[in-house]
Amino acid sequence: MIRHALDWQKQTSIYTWIGAWMPANNEKGDDYNIAEQLVFAQYVSCELTKNNIPFAFKSDIKLYVRLSNGWISGIKPVLDEITRTDCM
């Protein structure tokens, strides 16, 4: 995904890119545990940040309950990983 975004930027001279990613397997059973989601979230968010590719997290309903105005506690570590600012 990241290589694709960088290649697309070079080919088009448009230095923005919109793509989607999610650390969970939400569309096919949501069978990734939190540890697996943390590894994936760290890798993708840090690589996007290192390559100056802005990103947003699209599906907040997997992290946040709007009716109760609160984070889903079991998944909060994944959100914390996505929003880290100290990528290695």
C-alpha atoms as a PDB file:
ATOM      1  CA  MET A   1       0.000   0.000   0.000  1.00  0.00           C
ATOM      2  CA  ILE A   2       2.705   2.480   0.952  1.00  0.00           C
ATOM      3  CA  ARG A   3       4.862   1.731  -2.078  1.00  0.00           C
ATOM      4  CA  HIS A   4       1.738   2.025  -4.238  1.00  0.00           C
ATOM      5  CA  ALA A   5       0.972   5.445  -2.762  1.00  0.00           C
ATOM      6  CA  LEU A   6       4.522   6.707  -3.292  1.00  0.00           C
ATOM      7  CA  ASP A   7       4.639   5.360  -6.855  1.00  0.00           C
ATOM      8  CA  TRP A   8       1.287   6.985  -7.609  1.00  0.00           C
ATOM      9  CA  GLN A   9       2.533  10.308  -6.257  1.00  0.00           C
ATOM     10  CA  LYS A  10       5.605  10.162  -8.501  1.00  0.00           C
ATOM     11  CA  GLN A  11       3.638   9.166 -11.601  1.00  0.00           C
ATOM     12  CA  THR A  12       0.969  11.840 -11.223  1.00  0.00           C
ATOM     13  CA  SER A  13       2.888  14.616  -9.431  1.00  0.00           C
ATOM     14  CA  ILE A  14      -0.082  14.784  -7.068  1.00  0.00           C
ATOM     15  CA  TYR A  15       1.268  14.569  -3.563  1.00  0.00           C
ATOM     16  CA  THR A  16      -1.784  13.362  -1.785  1.00  0.00           C
ATOM     17  CA  TRP A  17      -3.308   9.942  -1.707  1.00  0.00           C
ATOM     18  CA  ILE A  18      -6.518   8.510  -0.312  1.00  0.00           C
ATOM     19  CA  GLY A  19      -6.494   4.904   0.697  1.00  0.00           C
ATOM     20  CA  ALA A  20      -8.129   2.805   3.368  1.00  0.00           C
ATOM     21  CA  TRP A  21      -6.637   0.448   5.887  1.00  0.00           C
ATOM     22  CA  MET A  22      -7.781  -1.132   9.103  1.00  0.00           C
ATOM     23  CA  PRO A  23      -5.900  -3.131  11.706  1.00  0.00           C
ATOM     24  CA  ALA A  24      -8.797  -5.544  12.252  1.00  0.00           C
ATOM     25  CA  ASN A  25     -10.435  -8.003   9.905  1.00  0.00           C
ATOM     26  CA  ASN A  26     -13.792  -6.235  10.228  1.00  0.00           C
ATOM     27  CA  GLU A  27     -15.205  -7.331   6.902  1.00  0.00           C
ATOM     28  CA  LYS A  28     -14.369 -11.034   7.191  1.00  0.00           C
ATOM     29  CA  GLY A  29     -15.095 -12.140  10.739  1.00  0.00           C
ATOM     30  CA  ASP A  30     -13.084  -9.745  12.915  1.00  0.00           C
ATOM     31  CA  ASP A  31     -10.829 -12.618  13.951  1.00  0.00           C
ATOM     32  CA  TYR A  32      -7.560 -10.750  14.583  1.00  0.00           C
ATOM     33  CA  ASN A  33      -6.682 -10.467  18.258  1.00  0.00           C
ATOM     34  CA  ILE A  34      -5.516  -7.204  19.824  1.00  0.00           C
ATOM     35  CA  ALA A  35      -1.834  -8.196  19.706  1.00  0.00           C
ATOM     36  CA  GLU A  36      -2.063  -8.824  15.943  1.00  0.00           C
ATOM     37  CA  GLN A  37      -3.906  -5.542  15.425  1.00  0.00           C
ATOM     38  CA  LEU A  38      -1.258  -3.648  17.397  1.00  0.00           C
ATOM     39  CA  VAL A  39       1.576  -5.010  15.251  1.00  0.00           C
ATOM     40  CA  PHE A  40      -0.239  -4.119  12.036  1.00  0.00           C
ATOM     41  CA  ALA A  41      -1.357  -0.687  13.290  1.00  0.00           C
ATOM     42  CA  GLN A  42       2.163   0.195  14.366  1.00  0.00           C
ATOM     43  CA  TYR A  43       3.691  -0.830  11.065  1.00  0.00           C
ATOM     44  CA  VAL A  44       1.185   0.896   8.783  1.00  0.00           C
ATOM     45  CA  SER A  45       0.767   4.126  10.750  1.00  0.00           C
ATOM     46  CA  CYS A  46       4.524   4.532  11.241  1.00  0.00           C
ATOM     47  CA  GLU A  47       5.359   3.796   7.606  1.00  0.00           C
ATOM     48  CA  LEU A  48       2.728   6.257   6.411  1.00  0.00           C
ATOM     49  CA  THR A  49       4.075   8.875   8.817  1.00  0.00           C
ATOM     50  CA  LYS A  50       7.730   8.263   7.837  1.00  0.00           C
ATOM     51  CA  ASN A  51       6.804   8.674   4.175  1.00  0.00           C
ATOM     52  CA  ASN A  52       4.799  11.870   4.821  1.00  0.00           C
ATOM     53  CA  ILE A  53       1.539  10.293   3.724  1.00  0.00           C
ATOM     54  CA  PRO A  54      -1.333  11.719   5.765  1.00  0.00           C
ATOM     55  CA  PHE A  55      -4.024   9.311   6.839  1.00  0.00           C
ATOM     56  CA  ALA A  56      -7.276   9.172   8.736  1.00  0.00           C
ATOM     57  CA  PHE A  57      -8.978   6.320  10.460  1.00  0.00           C
ATOM     58  CA  LYS A  58     -12.248   5.797   8.663  1.00  0.00           C
ATOM     59  CA  SER A  59     -14.383   3.469  10.747  1.00  0.00           C
ATOM     60  CA  ASP A  60     -14.609   5.019  14.173  1.00  0.00           C
ATOM     61  CA  ILE A  61     -17.504   2.744  15.144  1.00  0.00           C
ATOM     62  CA  LYS A  62     -14.939  -0.005  15.678  1.00  0.00           C
ATOM     63  CA  LEU A  63     -13.195   2.139  18.318  1.00  0.00           C
ATOM     64  CA  TYR A  64     -15.830   4.500  19.686  1.00  0.00           C
ATOM     65  CA  VAL A  65     -19.430   4.161  20.897  1.00  0.00           C
ATOM     66  CA  ARG A  66     -21.283   7.304  19.885  1.00  0.00           C
ATOM     67  CA  LEU A  67     -24.343   6.627  22.042  1.00  0.00           C
ATOM     68  CA  SER A  68     -22.322   6.461  25.253  1.00  0.00           C
ATOM     69  CA  ASN A  69     -19.681   8.941  24.078  1.00  0.00           C
ATOM     70  CA  GLY A  70     -16.786   6.674  24.961  1.00  0.00           C
ATOM     71  CA  TRP A  71     -14.001   4.507  23.636  1.00  0.00           C
ATOM     72  CA  ILE A  72     -14.420   0.764  23.357  1.00  0.00           C
ATOM     73  CA  SER A  73     -12.037  -0.162  26.152  1.00  0.00           C
ATOM     74  CA  GLY A  74     -10.791  -3.462  24.750  1.00  0.00           C
ATOM     75  CA  ILE A  75      -9.717  -1.878  21.464  1.00  0.00           C
ATOM     76  CA  LYS A  76      -8.291   1.382  22.875  1.00  0.00           C
ATOM     77  CA  PRO A  77      -4.675   0.075  22.716  1.00  0.00           C
ATOM     78  CA  VAL A  78      -5.063  -0.113  18.928  1.00  0.00           C
ATOM     79  CA  LEU A  79      -6.191   3.528  18.786  1.00  0.00           C
ATOM     80  CA  ASP A  80      -3.234   4.504  20.975  1.00  0.00           C
ATOM     81  CA  GLU A  81      -0.892   2.695  18.575  1.00  0.00           C
ATOM     82  CA  ILE A  82      -2.379   4.398  15.507  1.00  0.00           C
ATOM     83  CA  THR A  83      -2.022   7.847  17.064  1.00  0.00           C
ATOM     84  CA  ARG A  84       1.519   7.416  18.400  1.00  0.00           C
ATOM     85  CA  THR A  85       3.943  10.113  17.404  1.00  0.00           C
ATOM     86  CA  ASP A  86       7.203   8.336  18.172  1.00  0.00           C
ATOM     87  CA  CYS A  87       7.631   5.958  15.265  1.00  0.00           C
ATOM     88  CA  MET A  88      10.893   4.053  15.220  1.00  0.00           C
END
